């Protein structure tokens, strides 16, 4: 399965540079948490302060299972807390939500 998500960064060039720097060396425990949850590949693209994430995952992957596993992993929680320093929720998004699943509207 493929999932596409979006999120904004705070519109500050220094913060955006720091965010990109962290993503050049994502903590190994965080990367392992992706594999453990059934994510086979993940890519993040940036335009200005808008992020676009592509996830390819196994058929039994669910965001709910990933969220439960993340909640029990202190390293992942530390990473998420740190990344929240740079991230800005999209308009209309609930306070406890970050990345937003995008709807596929075209494919050839």
PDB file of N, CA and C in Angstrom:
ATOM      1  N   UNK A   1       0.830  -1.178   0.000  1.00  0.00           N
ATOM      2  CA  UNK A   1       0.000   0.000   0.000  1.00  0.00           C
ATOM      3  C   UNK A   1       0.881   1.250   0.000  1.00  0.00           C
ATOM      4  N   UNK A   2       0.387   2.267  -0.654  1.00  0.00           N
ATOM      5  CA  UNK A   2       1.089   3.544  -0.687  1.00  0.00           C
ATOM      6  C   UNK A   2       0.205   4.606  -0.024  1.00  0.00           C
ATOM      7  N   UNK A   3       0.852   5.421   0.804  1.00  0.00           N
ATOM      8  CA  UNK A   3       0.171   6.506   1.494  1.00  0.00           C
ATOM      9  C   UNK A   3       0.953   7.790   1.236  1.00  0.00           C
ATOM     10  N   UNK A   4       0.231   8.880   1.040  1.00  0.00           N
ATOM     11  CA  UNK A   4       0.861  10.186   0.872  1.00  0.00           C
ATOM     12  C   UNK A   4       0.284  11.120   1.926  1.00  0.00           C
ATOM     13  N   UNK A   5       1.180  11.840   2.587  1.00  0.00           N
ATOM     14  CA  UNK A   5       0.775  12.732   3.676  1.00  0.00           C
ATOM     15  C   UNK A   5       1.435  14.084   3.495  1.00  0.00           C
ATOM     16  N   UNK A   6       0.863  15.093   4.135  1.00  0.00           N
ATOM     17  CA  UNK A   6       1.421  16.428   4.040  1.00  0.00           C
ATOM     18  C   UNK A   6       1.440  17.097   5.417  1.00  0.00           C
ATOM     19  N   UNK A   7       2.324  18.045   5.553  1.00  0.00           N
ATOM     20  CA  UNK A   7       2.497  18.810   6.786  1.00  0.00           C
ATOM     21  C   UNK A   7       3.301  20.050   6.431  1.00  0.00           C
ATOM     22  N   UNK A   8       3.135  21.103   7.199  1.00  0.00           N
ATOM     23  CA  UNK A   8       3.934  22.312   6.998  1.00  0.00           C
ATOM     24  C   UNK A   8       5.007  22.419   8.068  1.00  0.00           C
ATOM     25  N   UNK A   9       6.070  23.110   7.706  1.00  0.00           N
ATOM     26  CA  UNK A   9       7.091  23.505   8.667  1.00  0.00           C
ATOM     27  C   UNK A   9       6.860  24.959   9.022  1.00  0.00           C
ATOM     28  N   UNK A  10       7.372  25.362  10.154  1.00  0.00           N
ATOM     29  CA  UNK A  10       7.356  26.775  10.491  1.00  0.00           C
ATOM     30  C   UNK A  10       8.144  27.504   9.418  1.00  0.00           C
ATOM     31  N   UNK A  11       7.633  28.608   8.955  1.00  0.00           N
ATOM     32  CA  UNK A  11       8.231  29.305   7.811  1.00  0.00           C
ATOM     33  C   UNK A  11       9.413  30.161   8.267  1.00  0.00           C
ATOM     34  N   UNK A  12      10.478  29.472   8.654  1.00  0.00           N
ATOM     35  CA  UNK A  12      11.694  30.113   9.150  1.00  0.00           C
ATOM     36  C   UNK A  12      12.870  29.377   8.514  1.00  0.00           C
ATOM     37  N   UNK A  13      13.661  30.048   7.662  1.00  0.00           N
ATOM     38  CA  UNK A  13      14.747  29.368   6.950  1.00  0.00           C
ATOM     39  C   UNK A  13      15.727  28.628   7.868  1.00  0.00           C
ATOM     40  N   UNK A  14      16.042  29.186   9.027  1.00  0.00           N
ATOM     41  CA  UNK A  14      16.970  28.504   9.946  1.00  0.00           C
ATOM     42  C   UNK A  14      16.356  27.225  10.497  1.00  0.00           C
ATOM     43  N   UNK A  15      15.076  27.276  10.876  1.00  0.00           N
ATOM     44  CA  UNK A  15      14.406  26.079  11.393  1.00  0.00           C
ATOM     45  C   UNK A  15      14.267  25.019  10.305  1.00  0.00           C
ATOM     46  N   UNK A  16      13.965  25.448   9.096  1.00  0.00           N
ATOM     47  CA  UNK A  16      13.846  24.504   7.977  1.00  0.00           C
ATOM     48  C   UNK A  16      15.190  23.829   7.725  1.00  0.00           C
ATOM     49  N   UNK A  17      16.275  24.579   7.769  1.00  0.00           N
ATOM     50  CA  UNK A  17      17.615  23.995   7.580  1.00  0.00           C
ATOM     51  C   UNK A  17      17.925  22.982   8.686  1.00  0.00           C
ATOM     52  N   UNK A  18      17.575  23.308   9.926  1.00  0.00           N
ATOM     53  CA  UNK A  18      17.795  22.368  11.029  1.00  0.00           C
ATOM     54  C   UNK A  18      16.977  21.093  10.826  1.00  0.00           C
ATOM     55  N   UNK A  19      15.725  21.249  10.427  1.00  0.00           N
ATOM     56  CA  UNK A  19      14.852  20.107  10.193  1.00  0.00           C
ATOM     57  C   UNK A  19      15.451  19.187   9.128  1.00  0.00           C
ATOM     58  N   UNK A  20      15.908  19.781   8.039  1.00  0.00           N
ATOM     59  CA  UNK A  20      16.543  18.984   6.982  1.00  0.00           C
ATOM     60  C   UNK A  20      17.809  18.298   7.493  1.00  0.00           C
ATOM     61  N   UNK A  21      18.578  18.991   8.308  1.00  0.00           N
ATOM     62  CA  UNK A  21      19.792  18.418   8.868  1.00  0.00           C
ATOM     63  C   UNK A  21      19.479  17.175   9.704  1.00  0.00           C
ATOM     64  N   UNK A  22      18.458  17.258  10.539  1.00  0.00           N
ATOM     65  CA  UNK A  22      18.055  16.080  11.329  1.00  0.00           C
ATOM     66  C   UNK A  22      17.667  14.913  10.424  1.00  0.00           C
ATOM     67  N   UNK A  23      17.064  15.219   9.300  1.00  0.00           N
ATOM     68  CA  UNK A  23      16.618  14.151   8.408  1.00  0.00           C
ATOM     69  C   UNK A  23      17.741  13.577   7.540  1.00  0.00           C
ATOM     70  N   UNK A  24      18.910  14.155   7.632  1.00  0.00           N
ATOM     71  CA  UNK A  24      20.082  13.555   6.995  1.00  0.00           C
ATOM     72  C   UNK A  24      20.681  12.458   7.867  1.00  0.00           C
ATOM     73  N   UNK A  25      20.279  12.451   9.147  1.00  0.00           N
ATOM     74  CA  UNK A  25      20.785  11.437  10.083  1.00  0.00           C
ATOM     75  C   UNK A  25      19.698  11.090  11.103  1.00  0.00           C
ATOM     76  N   UNK A  26      18.590  10.549  10.579  1.00  0.00           N
ATOM     77  CA  UNK A  26      17.478  10.147  11.450  1.00  0.00           C
ATOM     78  C   UNK A  26      17.979   9.081  12.413  1.00  0.00           C
ATOM     79  N   UNK A  27      17.568   9.194  13.666  1.00  0.00           N
ATOM     80  CA  UNK A  27      18.028   8.259  14.689  1.00  0.00           C
ATOM     81  C   UNK A  27      17.683   6.824  14.287  1.00  0.00           C
ATOM     82  N   UNK A  28      18.624   5.887  14.455  1.00  0.00           N
ATOM     83  CA  UNK A  28      18.403   4.498  14.025  1.00  0.00           C
ATOM     84  C   UNK A  28      17.178   3.849  14.677  1.00  0.00           C
ATOM     85  N   UNK A  29      16.880   4.196  15.910  1.00  0.00           N
ATOM     86  CA  UNK A  29      15.711   3.619  16.581  1.00  0.00           C
ATOM     87  C   UNK A  29      14.411   4.074  15.926  1.00  0.00           C
ATOM     88  N   UNK A  30      14.422   5.284  15.402  1.00  0.00           N
ATOM     89  CA  UNK A  30      13.243   5.806  14.711  1.00  0.00           C
ATOM     90  C   UNK A  30      13.074   5.083  13.379  1.00  0.00           C
ATOM     91  N   UNK A  31      14.163   4.922  12.648  1.00  0.00           N
ATOM     92  CA  UNK A  31      14.109   4.192  11.381  1.00  0.00           C
ATOM     93  C   UNK A  31      13.639   2.756  11.631  1.00  0.00           C
ATOM     94  N   UNK A  32      14.160   2.116  12.666  1.00  0.00           N
ATOM     95  CA  UNK A  32      13.762   0.739  12.982  1.00  0.00           C
ATOM     96  C   UNK A  32      12.268   0.668  13.298  1.00  0.00           C
ATOM     97  N   UNK A  33      11.735   1.703  13.940  1.00  0.00           N
ATOM     98  CA  UNK A  33      10.301   1.706  14.264  1.00  0.00           C
ATOM     99  C   UNK A  33       9.452   1.696  12.986  1.00  0.00           C
ATOM    100  N   UNK A  34       9.963   2.304  11.913  1.00  0.00           N
ATOM    101  CA  UNK A  34       9.242   2.255  10.634  1.00  0.00           C
ATOM    102  C   UNK A  34       9.178   0.820  10.135  1.00  0.00           C
ATOM    103  N   UNK A  35      10.338   0.168  10.088  1.00  0.00           N
ATOM    104  CA  UNK A  35      10.382  -1.217   9.608  1.00  0.00           C
ATOM    105  C   UNK A  35       9.537  -2.139  10.483  1.00  0.00           C
ATOM    106  N   UNK A  36       9.614  -1.951  11.797  1.00  0.00           N
ATOM    107  CA  UNK A  36       8.857  -2.790  12.718  1.00  0.00           C
ATOM    108  C   UNK A  36       7.351  -2.658  12.516  1.00  0.00           C
ATOM    109  N   UNK A  37       6.907  -1.498  12.054  1.00  0.00           N
ATOM    110  CA  UNK A  37       5.471  -1.274  11.869  1.00  0.00           C
ATOM    111  C   UNK A  37       4.962  -1.741  10.514  1.00  0.00           C
ATOM    112  N   UNK A  38       5.877  -2.137   9.632  1.00  0.00           N
ATOM    113  CA  UNK A  38       5.468  -2.600   8.307  1.00  0.00           C
ATOM    114  C   UNK A  38       5.708  -1.607   7.192  1.00  0.00           C
ATOM    115  N   UNK A  39       6.387  -0.514   7.502  1.00  0.00           N
ATOM    116  CA  UNK A  39       6.743   0.458   6.463  1.00  0.00           C
ATOM    117  C   UNK A  39       8.009  -0.033   5.773  1.00  0.00           C
ATOM    118  N   UNK A  40       7.948  -0.175   4.452  1.00  0.00           N
ATOM    119  CA  UNK A  40       9.126  -0.647   3.724  1.00  0.00           C
ATOM    120  C   UNK A  40       9.977   0.512   3.220  1.00  0.00           C
ATOM    121  N   UNK A  41       9.328   1.604   2.789  1.00  0.00           N
ATOM    122  CA  UNK A  41      10.068   2.805   2.391  1.00  0.00           C
ATOM    123  C   UNK A  41       9.280   4.042   2.799  1.00  0.00           C
ATOM    124  N   UNK A  42      10.044   5.094   3.075  1.00  0.00           N
ATOM    125  CA  UNK A  42       9.446   6.378   3.396  1.00  0.00           C
ATOM    126  C   UNK A  42      10.334   7.453   2.784  1.00  0.00           C
ATOM    127  N   UNK A  43       9.705   8.411   2.120  1.00  0.00           N
ATOM    128  CA  UNK A  43      10.418   9.543   1.552  1.00  0.00           C
ATOM    129  C   UNK A  43       9.695  10.815   1.969  1.00  0.00           C
ATOM    130  N   UNK A  44      10.462  11.872   2.211  1.00  0.00           N
ATOM    131  CA  UNK A  44       9.877  13.179   2.501  1.00  0.00           C
ATOM    132  C   UNK A  44      10.469  14.183   1.513  1.00  0.00           C
ATOM    133  N   UNK A  45       9.587  14.932   0.869  1.00  0.00           N
ATOM    134  CA  UNK A  45       9.983  15.987  -0.048  1.00  0.00           C
ATOM    135  C   UNK A  45       9.546  17.322   0.549  1.00  0.00           C
ATOM    136  N   UNK A  46      10.273  18.383   0.167  1.00  0.00           N
ATOM    137  CA  UNK A  46       9.943  19.706   0.671  1.00  0.00           C
ATOM    138  C   UNK A  46       9.874  20.710  -0.468  1.00  0.00           C
ATOM    139  N   UNK A  47       8.877  21.561  -0.423  1.00  0.00           N
ATOM    140  CA  UNK A  47       8.811  22.760  -1.248  1.00  0.00           C
ATOM    141  C   UNK A  47       8.504  23.902  -0.293  1.00  0.00           C
ATOM    142  N   UNK A  48       9.424  24.891  -0.257  1.00  0.00           N
ATOM    143  CA  UNK A  48       9.294  25.991   0.696  1.00  0.00           C
ATOM    144  C   UNK A  48       9.127  25.397   2.105  1.00  0.00           C
ATOM    145  N   UNK A  49       8.001  25.653   2.764  1.00  0.00           N
ATOM    146  CA  UNK A  49       7.803  25.077   4.096  1.00  0.00           C
ATOM    147  C   UNK A  49       6.765  23.951   4.092  1.00  0.00           C
ATOM    148  N   UNK A  50       6.365  23.488   2.907  1.00  0.00           N
ATOM    149  CA  UNK A  50       5.394  22.396   2.780  1.00  0.00           C
ATOM    150  C   UNK A  50       6.136  21.070   2.598  1.00  0.00           C
ATOM    151  N   UNK A  51       5.747  20.081   3.385  1.00  0.00           N
ATOM    152  CA  UNK A  51       6.332  18.746   3.298  1.00  0.00           C
ATOM    153  C   UNK A  51       5.342  17.783   2.653  1.00  0.00           C
ATOM    154  N   UNK A  52       5.879  16.797   1.947  1.00  0.00           N
ATOM    155  CA  UNK A  52       5.089  15.746   1.314  1.00  0.00           C
ATOM    156  C   UNK A  52       5.791  14.430   1.617  1.00  0.00           C
ATOM    157  N   UNK A  53       5.084  13.501   2.252  1.00  0.00           N
ATOM    158  CA  UNK A  53       5.659  12.206   2.634  1.00  0.00           C
ATOM    159  C   UNK A  53       5.000  11.089   1.825  1.00  0.00           C
ATOM    160  N   UNK A  54       5.825  10.183   1.312  1.00  0.00           N
ATOM    161  CA  UNK A  54       5.343   8.991   0.623  1.00  0.00           C
ATOM    162  C   UNK A  54       5.765   7.789   1.454  1.00  0.00           C
ATOM    163  N   UNK A  55       4.795   6.961   1.807  1.00  0.00           N
ATOM    164  CA  UNK A  55       5.053   5.731   2.565  1.00  0.00           C
ATOM    165  C   UNK A  55       4.598   4.558   1.730  1.00  0.00           C
ATOM    166  N   UNK A  56       5.468   3.566   1.571  1.00  0.00           N
ATOM    167  CA  UNK A  56       5.090   2.273   1.013  1.00  0.00           C
ATOM    168  C   UNK A  56       5.134   1.289   2.165  1.00  0.00           C
ATOM    169  N   UNK A  57       4.020   0.574   2.375  1.00  0.00           N
ATOM    170  CA  UNK A  57       3.905  -0.297   3.537  1.00  0.00           C
ATOM    171  C   UNK A  57       3.284  -1.633   3.155  1.00  0.00           C
ATOM    172  N   UNK A  58       3.491  -2.598   4.044  1.00  0.00           N
ATOM    173  CA  UNK A  58       2.903  -3.920   3.868  1.00  0.00           C
ATOM    174  C   UNK A  58       1.385  -3.826   3.990  1.00  0.00           C
ATOM    175  N   UNK A  59       0.699  -4.834   3.464  1.00  0.00           N
ATOM    176  CA  UNK A  59      -0.765  -4.824   3.448  1.00  0.00           C
ATOM    177  C   UNK A  59      -1.379  -4.728   4.841  1.00  0.00           C
ATOM    178  N   UNK A  60      -0.708  -5.269   5.872  1.00  0.00           N
ATOM    179  CA  UNK A  60      -1.291  -5.263   7.222  1.00  0.00           C
ATOM    180  C   UNK A  60      -0.923  -4.011   8.029  1.00  0.00           C
ATOM    181  N   UNK A  61      -0.234  -3.065   7.416  1.00  0.00           N
ATOM    182  CA  UNK A  61       0.117  -1.819   8.095  1.00  0.00           C
ATOM    183  C   UNK A  61      -1.140  -1.004   8.376  1.00  0.00           C
ATOM    184  N   UNK A  62      -1.184  -0.403   9.582  1.00  0.00           N
ATOM    185  CA  UNK A  62      -2.218   0.589   9.881  1.00  0.00           C
ATOM    186  C   UNK A  62      -1.574   1.724  10.669  1.00  0.00           C
ATOM    187  N   UNK A  63      -2.109   2.904  10.501  1.00  0.00           N
ATOM    188  CA  UNK A  63      -1.611   4.051  11.251  1.00  0.00           C
ATOM    189  C   UNK A  63      -1.929   3.896  12.741  1.00  0.00           C
ATOM    190  N   UNK A  64      -3.013   3.209  13.053  1.00  0.00           N
ATOM    191  CA  UNK A  64      -3.379   2.987  14.452  1.00  0.00           C
ATOM    192  C   UNK A  64      -2.346   2.107  15.151  1.00  0.00           C
ATOM    193  N   UNK A  65      -1.926   1.017  14.495  1.00  0.00           N
ATOM    194  CA  UNK A  65      -0.897   0.142  15.088  1.00  0.00           C
ATOM    195  C   UNK A  65       0.422   0.891  15.239  1.00  0.00           C
ATOM    196  N   UNK A  66       0.773   1.680  14.241  1.00  0.00           N
ATOM    197  CA  UNK A  66       2.008   2.472  14.308  1.00  0.00           C
ATOM    198  C   UNK A  66       1.943   3.463  15.471  1.00  0.00           C
ATOM    199  N   UNK A  67       0.812   4.125  15.640  1.00  0.00           N
ATOM    200  CA  UNK A  67       0.663   5.102  16.727  1.00  0.00           C
ATOM    201  C   UNK A  67       0.776   4.426  18.094  1.00  0.00           C
ATOM    202  N   UNK A  68       0.185   3.249  18.249  1.00  0.00           N
ATOM    203  CA  UNK A  68       0.281   2.527  19.535  1.00  0.00           C
ATOM    204  C   UNK A  68       1.722   2.146  19.828  1.00  0.00           C
ATOM    205  N   UNK A  69       2.420   1.626  18.825  1.00  0.00           N
ATOM    206  CA  UNK A  69       3.825   1.240  19.013  1.00  0.00           C
ATOM    207  C   UNK A  69       4.681   2.468  19.322  1.00  0.00           C
ATOM    208  N   UNK A  70       4.436   3.563  18.633  1.00  0.00           N
ATOM    209  CA  UNK A  70       5.200   4.796  18.874  1.00  0.00           C
ATOM    210  C   UNK A  70       4.982   5.317  20.289  1.00  0.00           C
ATOM    211  N   UNK A  71       3.749   5.213  20.779  1.00  0.00           N
ATOM    212  CA  UNK A  71       3.430   5.705  22.120  1.00  0.00           C
ATOM    213  C   UNK A  71       4.197   4.946  23.198  1.00  0.00           C
ATOM    214  N   UNK A  72       4.581   3.711  22.898  1.00  0.00           N
ATOM    215  CA  UNK A  72       5.307   2.884  23.857  1.00  0.00           C
ATOM    216  C   UNK A  72       6.823   2.958  23.678  1.00  0.00           C
ATOM    217  N   UNK A  73       7.293   3.739  22.715  1.00  0.00           N
ATOM    218  CA  UNK A  73       8.719   3.815  22.402  1.00  0.00           C
ATOM    219  C   UNK A  73       9.255   5.192  22.810  1.00  0.00           C
ATOM    220  N   UNK A  74      10.012   5.272  23.921  1.00  0.00           N
ATOM    221  CA  UNK A  74      10.471   6.583  24.396  1.00  0.00           C
ATOM    222  C   UNK A  74      11.388   7.308  23.413  1.00  0.00           C
ATOM    223  N   UNK A  75      12.166   6.582  22.628  1.00  0.00           N
ATOM    224  CA  UNK A  75      13.052   7.235  21.645  1.00  0.00           C
ATOM    225  C   UNK A  75      12.217   7.881  20.541  1.00  0.00           C
ATOM    226  N   UNK A  76      11.210   7.169  20.067  1.00  0.00           N
ATOM    227  CA  UNK A  76      10.326   7.736  19.040  1.00  0.00           C
ATOM    228  C   UNK A  76       9.596   8.945  19.605  1.00  0.00           C
ATOM    229  N   UNK A  77       9.151   8.872  20.848  1.00  0.00           N
ATOM    230  CA  UNK A  77       8.468  10.006  21.472  1.00  0.00           C
ATOM    231  C   UNK A  77       9.398  11.221  21.581  1.00  0.00           C
ATOM    232  N   UNK A  78      10.662  10.968  21.904  1.00  0.00           N
ATOM    233  CA  UNK A  78      11.641  12.063  21.975  1.00  0.00           C
ATOM    234  C   UNK A  78      11.835  12.699  20.603  1.00  0.00           C
ATOM    235  N   UNK A  79      11.951  11.849  19.553  1.00  0.00           N
ATOM    236  CA  UNK A  79      12.103  12.340  18.186  1.00  0.00           C
ATOM    237  C   UNK A  79      10.887  13.181  17.783  1.00  0.00           C
ATOM    238  N   UNK A  80       9.689  12.667  18.041  1.00  0.00           N
ATOM    239  CA  UNK A  80       8.466  13.377  17.669  1.00  0.00           C
ATOM    240  C   UNK A  80       8.366  14.720  18.384  1.00  0.00           C
ATOM    241  N   UNK A  81       8.753  14.747  19.639  1.00  0.00           N
ATOM    242  CA  UNK A  81       8.745  15.994  20.391  1.00  0.00           C
ATOM    243  C   UNK A  81       9.714  17.006  19.783  1.00  0.00           C
ATOM    244  N   UNK A  82      10.908  16.536  19.430  1.00  0.00           N
ATOM    245  CA  UNK A  82      11.906  17.397  18.799  1.00  0.00           C
ATOM    246  C   UNK A  82      11.401  17.912  17.454  1.00  0.00           C
ATOM    247  N   UNK A  83      10.822  17.034  16.628  1.00  0.00           N
ATOM    248  CA  UNK A  83      10.346  17.445  15.311  1.00  0.00           C
ATOM    249  C   UNK A  83       9.197  18.442  15.420  1.00  0.00           C
ATOM    250  N   UNK A  84       8.413  18.352  16.481  1.00  0.00           N
ATOM    251  CA  UNK A  84       7.306  19.301  16.681  1.00  0.00           C
ATOM    252  C   UNK A  84       7.802  20.734  16.821  1.00  0.00           C
ATOM    253  N   UNK A  85       9.067  20.887  17.205  1.00  0.00           N
ATOM    254  CA  UNK A  85       9.680  22.204  17.292  1.00  0.00           C
ATOM    255  C   UNK A  85       9.667  22.905  15.937  1.00  0.00           C
ATOM    256  N   UNK A  86       9.737  22.129  14.870  1.00  0.00           N
ATOM    257  CA  UNK A  86       9.871  22.652  13.515  1.00  0.00           C
ATOM    258  C   UNK A  86       8.565  22.622  12.730  1.00  0.00           C
ATOM    259  N   UNK A  87       7.652  21.763  13.135  1.00  0.00           N
ATOM    260  CA  UNK A  87       6.440  21.525  12.359  1.00  0.00           C
ATOM    261  C   UNK A  87       5.307  22.465  12.754  1.00  0.00           C
ATOM    262  N   UNK A  88       4.465  22.747  11.760  1.00  0.00           N
ATOM    263  CA  UNK A  88       3.305  23.600  11.969  1.00  0.00           C
ATOM    264  C   UNK A  88       2.092  22.868  11.402  1.00  0.00           C
ATOM    265  N   UNK A  89       1.074  22.744  12.189  1.00  0.00           N
ATOM    266  CA  UNK A  89      -0.128  22.039  11.749  1.00  0.00           C
ATOM    267  C   UNK A  89      -0.797  22.795  10.600  1.00  0.00           C
ATOM    268  N   UNK A  90      -1.419  22.047   9.727  1.00  0.00           N
ATOM    269  CA  UNK A  90      -2.172  22.643   8.635  1.00  0.00           C
ATOM    270  C   UNK A  90      -3.453  23.281   9.174  1.00  0.00           C
ATOM    271  N   UNK A  91      -3.978  24.279   8.494  1.00  0.00           N
ATOM    272  CA  UNK A  91      -5.227  24.907   8.953  1.00  0.00           C
ATOM    273  C   UNK A  91      -6.345  23.874   9.075  1.00  0.00           C
ATOM    274  N   UNK A  92      -7.111  23.963  10.156  1.00  0.00           N
ATOM    275  CA  UNK A  92      -8.249  23.076  10.361  1.00  0.00           C
ATOM    276  C   UNK A  92      -7.934  21.725  10.969  1.00  0.00           C
ATOM    277  N   UNK A  93      -6.672  21.492  11.305  1.00  0.00           N
ATOM    278  CA  UNK A  93      -6.258  20.207  11.855  1.00  0.00           C
ATOM    279  C   UNK A  93      -6.387  20.245  13.377  1.00  0.00           C
ATOM    280  N   UNK A  94      -6.850  19.132  13.950  1.00  0.00           N
ATOM    281  CA  UNK A  94      -6.990  19.034  15.400  1.00  0.00           C
ATOM    282  C   UNK A  94      -5.625  19.148  16.073  1.00  0.00           C
ATOM    283  N   UNK A  95      -5.612  19.593  17.330  1.00  0.00           N
ATOM    284  CA  UNK A  95      -4.358  19.818  18.062  1.00  0.00           C
ATOM    285  C   UNK A  95      -3.479  18.584  18.177  1.00  0.00           C
ATOM    286  N   UNK A  96      -4.062  17.391  18.266  1.00  0.00           N
ATOM    287  CA  UNK A  96      -3.259  16.188  18.455  1.00  0.00           C
ATOM    288  C   UNK A  96      -2.858  15.529  17.137  1.00  0.00           C
ATOM    289  N   UNK A  97      -3.090  16.197  16.012  1.00  0.00           N
ATOM    290  CA  UNK A  97      -2.756  15.639  14.702  1.00  0.00           C
ATOM    291  C   UNK A  97      -1.633  16.441  14.056  1.00  0.00           C
ATOM    292  N   UNK A  98      -0.797  15.732  13.293  1.00  0.00           N
ATOM    293  CA  UNK A  98       0.281  16.408  12.571  1.00  0.00           C
ATOM    294  C   UNK A  98       0.155  16.087  11.085  1.00  0.00           C
ATOM    295  N   UNK A  99       0.826  15.045  10.645  1.00  0.00           N
ATOM    296  CA  UNK A  99       0.786  14.664   9.233  1.00  0.00           C
ATOM    297  C   UNK A  99      -0.655  14.331   8.834  1.00  0.00           C
ATOM    298  N   UNK A 100      -1.058  14.813   7.659  1.00  0.00           N
ATOM    299  CA  UNK A 100      -2.410  14.585   7.165  1.00  0.00           C
ATOM    300  C   UNK A 100      -2.385  13.715   5.914  1.00  0.00           C
ATOM    301  N   UNK A 101      -3.185  12.659   5.944  1.00  0.00           N
ATOM    302  CA  UNK A 101      -3.294  11.747   4.815  1.00  0.00           C
ATOM    303  C   UNK A 101      -3.942  12.477   3.642  1.00  0.00           C
ATOM    304  N   UNK A 102      -3.338  12.331   2.488  1.00  0.00           N
ATOM    305  CA  UNK A 102      -3.845  12.997   1.291  1.00  0.00           C
ATOM    306  C   UNK A 102      -4.681  12.021   0.469  1.00  0.00           C
ATOM    307  N   UNK A 103      -5.664  12.546  -0.214  1.00  0.00           N
ATOM    308  CA  UNK A 103      -6.545  11.756  -1.065  1.00  0.00           C
ATOM    309  C   UNK A 103      -5.965  11.685  -2.473  1.00  0.00           C
ATOM    310  N   UNK A 104      -5.864  10.489  -3.008  1.00  0.00           N
ATOM    311  CA  UNK A 104      -5.388  10.310  -4.378  1.00  0.00           C
ATOM    312  C   UNK A 104      -6.523  10.700  -5.324  1.00  0.00           C
ATOM    313  N   UNK A 105      -6.282  11.688  -6.165  1.00  0.00           N
ATOM    314  CA  UNK A 105      -7.322  12.126  -7.097  1.00  0.00           C
ATOM    315  C   UNK A 105      -6.988  11.840  -8.559  1.00  0.00           C
ATOM    316  N   UNK A 106      -5.766  11.323  -8.829  1.00  0.00           N
ATOM    317  CA  UNK A 106      -5.395  11.028 -10.218  1.00  0.00           C
ATOM    318  C   UNK A 106      -4.258  10.021 -10.237  1.00  0.00           C
ATOM    319  N   UNK A 107      -4.362   9.067 -11.180  1.00  0.00           N
ATOM    320  CA  UNK A 107      -3.278   8.088 -11.361  1.00  0.00           C
ATOM    321  C   UNK A 107      -3.386   7.531 -12.775  1.00  0.00           C
ATOM    322  N   UNK A 108      -2.217   7.373 -13.443  1.00  0.00           N
ATOM    323  CA  UNK A 108      -2.184   6.738 -14.762  1.00  0.00           C
ATOM    324  C   UNK A 108      -1.283   5.535 -14.711  1.00  0.00           C
TER     325      UNK A 108
END
